[in-house]
N, C-alpha and C. Protein backbone atom coordinates (compact mmCIF):
# COMPACT_ATOMS: atom_id res chain seq x y z
N UNK A 1 28.38 21.94 -10.52
CA UNK A 1 27.59 20.83 -11.36
C UNK A 1 26.98 19.86 -10.64
N UNK A 2 25.76 19.31 -10.86
CA UNK A 2 25.17 18.34 -10.15
C UNK A 2 25.85 17.12 -10.18
N UNK A 3 26.57 16.65 -11.16
CA UNK A 3 27.37 15.42 -11.16
C UNK A 3 28.57 15.39 -10.13
N UNK A 4 28.89 16.54 -9.76
CA UNK A 4 29.81 16.69 -8.54
C UNK A 4 29.27 16.77 -7.23
N UNK A 5 28.01 16.74 -7.04
CA UNK A 5 27.34 17.21 -5.73
C UNK A 5 26.90 15.98 -4.87
N UNK A 6 27.04 14.64 -5.47
CA UNK A 6 26.86 13.53 -4.64
C UNK A 6 27.85 12.44 -4.57
N UNK A 7 28.13 11.60 -3.78
CA UNK A 7 29.25 10.75 -3.65
C UNK A 7 28.81 9.33 -3.58
N UNK A 8 27.79 8.89 -3.83
CA UNK A 8 27.32 7.52 -4.13
C UNK A 8 25.80 7.22 -3.81
N UNK A 9 25.39 5.97 -3.84
CA UNK A 9 24.15 5.49 -3.58
C UNK A 9 23.94 5.77 -2.14
N UNK A 10 22.78 6.35 -1.83
CA UNK A 10 22.34 6.26 -0.17
C UNK A 10 21.35 5.20 -0.13
N UNK A 11 20.15 4.85 -0.92
CA UNK A 11 19.41 3.87 -0.76
C UNK A 11 18.53 3.85 -1.91
N UNK A 12 17.74 2.48 -1.89
CA UNK A 12 16.82 2.31 -3.13
C UNK A 12 15.53 2.18 -2.31
N UNK A 13 14.57 2.87 -2.74
CA UNK A 13 13.10 2.95 -2.12
C UNK A 13 12.40 1.93 -2.98
N UNK A 14 11.73 1.08 -2.25
CA UNK A 14 10.90 -0.17 -2.72
C UNK A 14 9.71 -0.24 -1.75
N UNK A 15 8.49 0.10 -2.44
CA UNK A 15 7.21 0.12 -1.52
C UNK A 15 6.77 -1.45 -1.24
N UNK A 16 5.96 -1.51 -0.40
CA UNK A 16 5.53 -2.92 0.26
C UNK A 16 3.92 -2.67 0.33
N UNK A 17 3.20 -4.02 0.53
CA UNK A 17 2.02 -4.19 1.10
C UNK A 17 2.03 -4.58 2.27
N UNK A 18 3.00 -5.36 2.77
CA UNK A 18 3.16 -5.82 4.09
C UNK A 18 4.39 -5.75 4.70
N UNK A 19 4.76 -4.63 5.41
CA UNK A 19 6.01 -4.29 6.01
C UNK A 19 6.81 -5.38 6.97
N UNK A 20 5.97 -6.09 7.63
CA UNK A 20 6.55 -7.13 8.41
C UNK A 20 6.99 -8.35 7.57
N UNK A 21 6.38 -8.61 6.54
CA UNK A 21 6.93 -9.73 5.46
C UNK A 21 8.08 -9.33 4.95
N UNK A 22 8.12 -7.94 4.39
CA UNK A 22 9.38 -7.68 3.63
C UNK A 22 10.55 -7.43 4.70
N UNK A 23 10.45 -7.03 5.76
CA UNK A 23 11.36 -7.06 7.00
C UNK A 23 12.16 -8.37 6.94
N UNK A 24 11.27 -9.53 7.12
CA UNK A 24 11.82 -10.81 7.32
C UNK A 24 12.54 -11.32 6.11
N UNK A 25 11.88 -10.82 4.91
CA UNK A 25 12.65 -11.23 3.57
C UNK A 25 14.20 -10.77 3.65
N UNK A 26 14.14 -9.30 3.80
CA UNK A 26 15.58 -8.65 3.95
C UNK A 26 16.27 -9.47 5.00
N UNK A 27 15.91 -9.38 6.14
CA UNK A 27 16.72 -10.27 7.31
C UNK A 27 17.24 -11.47 6.71
N UNK A 28 16.43 -12.25 5.83
CA UNK A 28 16.99 -13.65 5.53
C UNK A 28 18.04 -13.46 4.49
N UNK A 29 18.25 -12.36 3.73
CA UNK A 29 19.22 -12.10 2.91
C UNK A 29 20.65 -11.34 3.47
N UNK A 30 20.21 -11.21 4.90
CA UNK A 30 21.59 -10.70 5.68
C UNK A 30 21.40 -9.15 6.11
N UNK A 31 20.24 -8.73 5.79
CA UNK A 31 19.93 -7.27 6.18
C UNK A 31 19.46 -7.14 7.29
N UNK A 32 20.06 -5.91 8.00
CA UNK A 32 19.60 -5.43 9.50
C UNK A 32 19.02 -4.36 9.57
N UNK A 33 17.84 -4.09 10.18
CA UNK A 33 17.04 -2.97 10.35
C UNK A 33 17.72 -1.79 10.94
N UNK A 34 17.97 -0.78 10.50
CA UNK A 34 18.77 0.23 10.83
C UNK A 34 17.82 1.58 11.13
N UNK A 35 16.73 1.58 10.96
CA UNK A 35 15.81 2.63 10.81
C UNK A 35 14.37 2.22 10.83
N UNK A 36 13.67 2.58 11.86
CA UNK A 36 12.01 2.40 12.04
C UNK A 36 11.26 3.54 12.25
N UNK A 37 10.46 3.94 11.40
CA UNK A 37 9.85 5.23 11.41
C UNK A 37 8.23 4.89 11.32
N UNK A 38 7.79 4.58 12.55
CA UNK A 38 6.31 4.11 12.68
C UNK A 38 5.31 5.02 12.06
N UNK A 39 5.32 6.39 12.43
CA UNK A 39 4.31 7.16 11.72
C UNK A 39 4.42 7.34 10.25
N UNK A 40 5.39 6.80 9.54
CA UNK A 40 5.30 6.86 8.04
C UNK A 40 5.17 5.45 7.51
N UNK A 41 5.31 4.43 8.48
CA UNK A 41 5.29 3.22 8.02
C UNK A 41 6.60 2.79 7.20
N UNK A 42 7.68 3.33 7.52
CA UNK A 42 8.87 3.25 6.71
C UNK A 42 10.12 2.51 7.52
N UNK A 43 10.70 1.54 7.04
CA UNK A 43 11.92 0.89 7.58
C UNK A 43 13.03 1.17 6.66
N UNK A 44 14.16 1.18 7.15
CA UNK A 44 15.39 0.86 6.33
C UNK A 44 16.19 0.03 6.85
N UNK A 45 16.72 -0.90 5.68
CA UNK A 45 17.27 -2.22 6.08
C UNK A 45 18.78 -1.99 5.37
N UNK A 46 19.85 -2.65 6.09
CA UNK A 46 21.23 -2.47 5.53
C UNK A 46 21.98 -3.51 5.45
N UNK A 47 22.79 -3.72 4.42
CA UNK A 47 23.77 -4.76 4.53
C UNK A 47 24.96 -4.37 3.75
N UNK A 48 25.99 -4.19 4.50
CA UNK A 48 27.35 -3.58 4.00
C UNK A 48 27.04 -2.11 3.57
N UNK A 49 27.13 -1.90 2.25
CA UNK A 49 26.84 -0.43 1.97
C UNK A 49 25.53 -0.17 1.08
N UNK A 50 24.75 -1.33 1.05
CA UNK A 50 23.53 -1.02 0.35
C UNK A 50 22.41 -1.03 1.51
N UNK A 51 21.67 0.07 1.17
CA UNK A 51 20.38 0.38 2.14
C UNK A 51 19.19 0.44 1.21
N UNK A 52 18.24 -0.22 1.82
CA UNK A 52 16.90 -0.44 1.26
C UNK A 52 16.03 0.24 1.88
N UNK A 53 15.20 1.24 1.59
CA UNK A 53 14.09 1.90 2.20
C UNK A 53 12.80 1.25 1.79
N UNK A 54 12.07 0.95 2.76
CA UNK A 54 10.65 0.37 2.06
C UNK A 54 9.64 0.84 3.02
N UNK A 55 8.36 1.05 2.52
CA UNK A 55 7.16 1.52 3.33
C UNK A 55 6.06 0.87 2.70
N UNK A 56 5.07 0.98 3.72
CA UNK A 56 3.70 0.33 3.30
C UNK A 56 2.84 1.15 2.51
N UNK A 57 2.12 0.85 1.58
CA UNK A 57 0.98 1.24 0.92
C UNK A 57 1.40 2.45 0.10
N UNK A 58 1.94 1.94 -0.94
CA UNK A 58 2.23 2.82 -2.42
C UNK A 58 1.78 2.35 -3.48
N UNK A 59 1.17 3.39 -4.15
CA UNK A 59 0.37 2.95 -5.46
C UNK A 59 0.89 2.12 -6.42
N UNK A 60 2.35 2.00 -6.66
CA UNK A 60 2.94 1.35 -7.60
C UNK A 60 3.49 -0.05 -7.12
N UNK A 61 3.03 -0.41 -5.87
CA UNK A 61 3.61 -1.56 -5.27
C UNK A 61 3.17 -3.07 -6.15
N UNK A 62 2.22 -3.13 -6.88
CA UNK A 62 1.84 -4.31 -7.49
C UNK A 62 2.60 -4.22 -8.98
N UNK A 63 3.22 -3.26 -9.39
CA UNK A 63 3.92 -3.05 -10.70
C UNK A 63 5.05 -4.04 -10.44
N UNK A 64 5.40 -4.67 -11.74
CA UNK A 64 6.63 -5.47 -11.87
C UNK A 64 7.75 -4.42 -11.75
N UNK A 65 8.73 -5.09 -10.86
CA UNK A 65 10.03 -4.28 -10.54
C UNK A 65 9.65 -2.98 -9.95
N UNK A 66 8.82 -2.85 -9.04
CA UNK A 66 8.34 -1.61 -8.52
C UNK A 66 9.25 -0.98 -7.52
N UNK A 67 10.43 -0.26 -8.10
CA UNK A 67 11.25 0.38 -7.34
C UNK A 67 10.74 1.93 -7.58
N UNK A 68 10.54 2.37 -6.49
CA UNK A 68 9.93 3.82 -6.48
C UNK A 68 11.07 4.86 -6.86
N UNK A 69 12.28 4.79 -6.06
CA UNK A 69 13.34 5.72 -6.41
C UNK A 69 14.60 5.16 -6.10
N UNK A 70 15.52 5.83 -6.76
CA UNK A 70 17.03 5.59 -6.12
C UNK A 70 17.61 7.03 -5.72
N UNK A 71 18.03 6.83 -4.36
CA UNK A 71 18.57 7.98 -3.66
C UNK A 71 20.17 8.19 -3.78
N UNK A 72 20.44 9.41 -4.25
CA UNK A 72 22.07 9.65 -4.14
C UNK A 72 22.34 10.57 -2.96
N UNK A 73 23.39 10.26 -2.29
CA UNK A 73 24.05 11.13 -1.12
C UNK A 73 24.78 12.25 -1.58
N UNK A 74 24.15 13.32 -0.96
CA UNK A 74 24.75 14.51 -1.13
C UNK A 74 25.13 15.12 0.39
N UNK A 75 26.24 16.07 0.21
CA UNK A 75 26.74 16.66 1.59
C UNK A 75 26.14 18.07 1.53
N UNK A 76 25.79 18.58 0.53
CA UNK A 76 25.34 20.01 0.51
C UNK A 76 24.07 20.01 -0.48
N UNK A 77 22.94 19.95 0.10
CA UNK A 77 21.64 19.73 -0.57
C UNK A 77 21.11 21.01 -1.25
N UNK A 78 21.47 22.22 -0.75
CA UNK A 78 21.10 23.59 -1.24
C UNK A 78 21.90 23.82 -2.62
N UNK A 79 23.21 23.14 -2.43
CA UNK A 79 23.99 23.63 -3.83
C UNK A 79 23.64 22.52 -5.06
N UNK A 80 23.13 21.23 -4.54
CA UNK A 80 22.71 20.30 -5.15
C UNK A 80 21.44 20.72 -6.03
N UNK A 81 20.66 21.16 -5.26
CA UNK A 81 19.37 21.65 -5.71
C UNK A 81 19.46 22.85 -6.77
N UNK A 82 20.15 23.84 -6.25
CA UNK A 82 20.55 25.06 -7.18
C UNK A 82 21.13 24.37 -8.60
N UNK A 83 22.09 23.60 -8.52
CA UNK A 83 22.59 22.92 -9.66
C UNK A 83 21.60 22.32 -10.55
N UNK A 84 20.84 21.55 -10.02
CA UNK A 84 19.85 20.78 -10.71
C UNK A 84 18.84 21.77 -11.53
N UNK A 85 18.55 22.73 -10.91
CA UNK A 85 17.80 23.76 -11.57
C UNK A 85 18.39 24.42 -12.75
N UNK A 86 19.63 24.82 -12.33
CA UNK A 86 20.42 25.42 -13.17
C UNK A 86 20.68 24.56 -14.56
N UNK A 87 20.94 23.32 -14.38
CA UNK A 87 21.17 22.55 -15.43
C UNK A 87 19.92 22.08 -16.23
N UNK A 88 18.73 22.38 -15.93
CA UNK A 88 17.63 22.14 -16.64
C UNK A 88 17.20 20.69 -16.29
N UNK A 89 17.35 19.95 -15.27
CA UNK A 89 16.75 18.75 -15.07
C UNK A 89 15.49 18.80 -14.93
N UNK A 90 14.59 17.86 -15.06
CA UNK A 90 13.08 17.84 -14.88
C UNK A 90 12.81 17.56 -13.44
N UNK A 91 12.55 18.54 -12.81
CA UNK A 91 12.34 18.73 -11.25
C UNK A 91 10.99 18.32 -10.77
N UNK A 92 10.74 17.34 -10.11
CA UNK A 92 9.64 16.79 -9.48
C UNK A 92 9.23 17.86 -8.45
N UNK A 93 10.16 18.35 -7.35
CA UNK A 93 9.87 19.07 -6.27
C UNK A 93 10.37 20.58 -6.77
N UNK A 94 9.66 21.41 -6.35
CA UNK A 94 9.67 22.83 -6.45
C UNK A 94 10.82 23.66 -5.53
N UNK A 95 10.73 22.66 -4.26
CA UNK A 95 11.93 23.26 -3.08
C UNK A 95 12.20 22.22 -2.51
N UNK A 96 13.20 22.42 -1.69
CA UNK A 96 13.77 21.17 -0.86
C UNK A 96 12.83 20.80 0.24
N UNK A 97 12.68 19.30 0.34
CA UNK A 97 11.76 18.68 1.23
C UNK A 97 12.37 18.57 2.58
N UNK A 98 11.77 18.20 3.41
CA UNK A 98 12.14 17.88 4.81
C UNK A 98 11.18 16.97 5.62
N UNK A 99 12.16 15.77 5.97
CA UNK A 99 11.33 14.62 6.87
C UNK A 99 12.12 14.49 7.90
N UNK A 100 11.25 13.92 9.10
CA UNK A 100 12.03 13.93 10.44
C UNK A 100 12.63 12.47 10.81
N UNK A 101 13.43 11.86 9.64
CA UNK A 101 13.89 10.66 9.61
C UNK A 101 15.33 10.86 10.53
N UNK A 102 15.93 9.74 10.93
CA UNK A 102 17.14 9.87 11.63
C UNK A 102 17.31 10.75 12.70
N UNK A 103 18.23 10.94 13.07
CA UNK A 103 18.34 11.91 14.55
C UNK A 103 18.09 13.34 14.22
N UNK A 104 18.41 13.85 13.14
CA UNK A 104 18.26 15.32 12.86
C UNK A 104 17.35 15.57 11.41
N UNK A 105 16.89 14.50 10.96
CA UNK A 105 15.97 14.53 9.90
C UNK A 105 16.83 14.64 8.60
N UNK A 106 16.01 14.67 7.50
CA UNK A 106 16.83 14.53 5.98
C UNK A 106 16.02 15.84 5.50
N UNK A 107 16.90 16.31 4.42
CA UNK A 107 16.52 17.23 3.26
C UNK A 107 16.76 16.52 1.97
N UNK A 108 15.78 16.75 1.11
CA UNK A 108 15.80 15.71 -0.33
C UNK A 108 15.09 16.69 -1.41
N UNK A 109 15.24 16.27 -2.50
CA UNK A 109 14.66 16.85 -3.59
C UNK A 109 14.52 15.53 -4.86
N UNK A 110 13.58 15.55 -5.64
CA UNK A 110 13.59 14.49 -6.52
C UNK A 110 13.64 15.23 -8.03
N UNK A 111 14.36 14.47 -8.93
CA UNK A 111 14.19 14.90 -10.32
C UNK A 111 13.63 13.78 -10.90
N UNK A 112 13.27 13.85 -12.32
CA UNK A 112 12.79 12.79 -13.19
C UNK A 112 13.56 12.49 -14.24
N UNK A 113 14.07 11.15 -14.41
CA UNK A 113 15.14 10.83 -15.44
C UNK A 113 14.36 10.10 -16.49
N UNK A 114 14.97 9.50 -17.37
CA UNK A 114 14.54 9.01 -18.50
C UNK A 114 13.50 7.91 -18.13
N UNK A 115 12.43 7.56 -18.75
CA UNK A 115 11.38 6.70 -18.47
C UNK A 115 10.64 6.93 -17.11
N UNK A 116 10.63 8.05 -16.70
CA UNK A 116 10.06 8.39 -15.62
C UNK A 116 10.78 7.88 -14.29
N UNK A 117 12.01 7.49 -14.39
CA UNK A 117 12.74 7.24 -12.96
C UNK A 117 13.06 8.20 -12.24
N UNK A 118 12.75 8.08 -10.86
CA UNK A 118 12.84 9.00 -9.81
C UNK A 118 14.10 8.97 -9.30
N UNK A 119 15.00 10.14 -9.27
CA UNK A 119 16.13 10.38 -8.63
C UNK A 119 16.21 11.05 -7.57
N UNK A 120 16.31 10.67 -6.17
CA UNK A 120 16.17 11.40 -5.29
C UNK A 120 17.70 11.96 -4.71
N UNK A 121 17.89 13.10 -4.45
CA UNK A 121 19.20 13.65 -3.90
C UNK A 121 18.94 14.10 -2.46
N UNK A 122 19.57 13.42 -1.42
CA UNK A 122 19.21 13.44 0.12
C UNK A 122 20.49 13.80 0.73
N UNK A 123 20.22 14.52 1.86
CA UNK A 123 21.42 14.88 2.82
C UNK A 123 20.82 14.37 4.02
N UNK A 124 21.47 13.47 4.92
CA UNK A 124 20.94 13.38 6.24
C UNK A 124 21.60 14.38 7.20
N UNK A 125 20.74 14.90 7.85
CA UNK A 125 21.26 16.23 8.71
C UNK A 125 21.72 15.90 9.99
């Protein structure tokens, strides 16, 4: 079951128009940059167990409370994907996605929740 496939919050994705400005903002709140991926204009900021992913130029950035997605940490992305489809969740992705983040990349997929909230299930490889 999908509810057994994740073990906590991995990160919250928040878009920005100015990556340098938002980095300074999170640093002022005590966050440290733990990931910088210039090709995608993406940074990850961490404080204790909370990680914020922020990237430049997203179409929702000017909306009030513009959180793009909430990411849940999974250990077996293939099983989570099968469970999500089997349980009839509203799938945004038709297959598991891959990005070259971190040392070995990440695999992820997204589902749509109530009011269009995007829930990402992500495995860091």
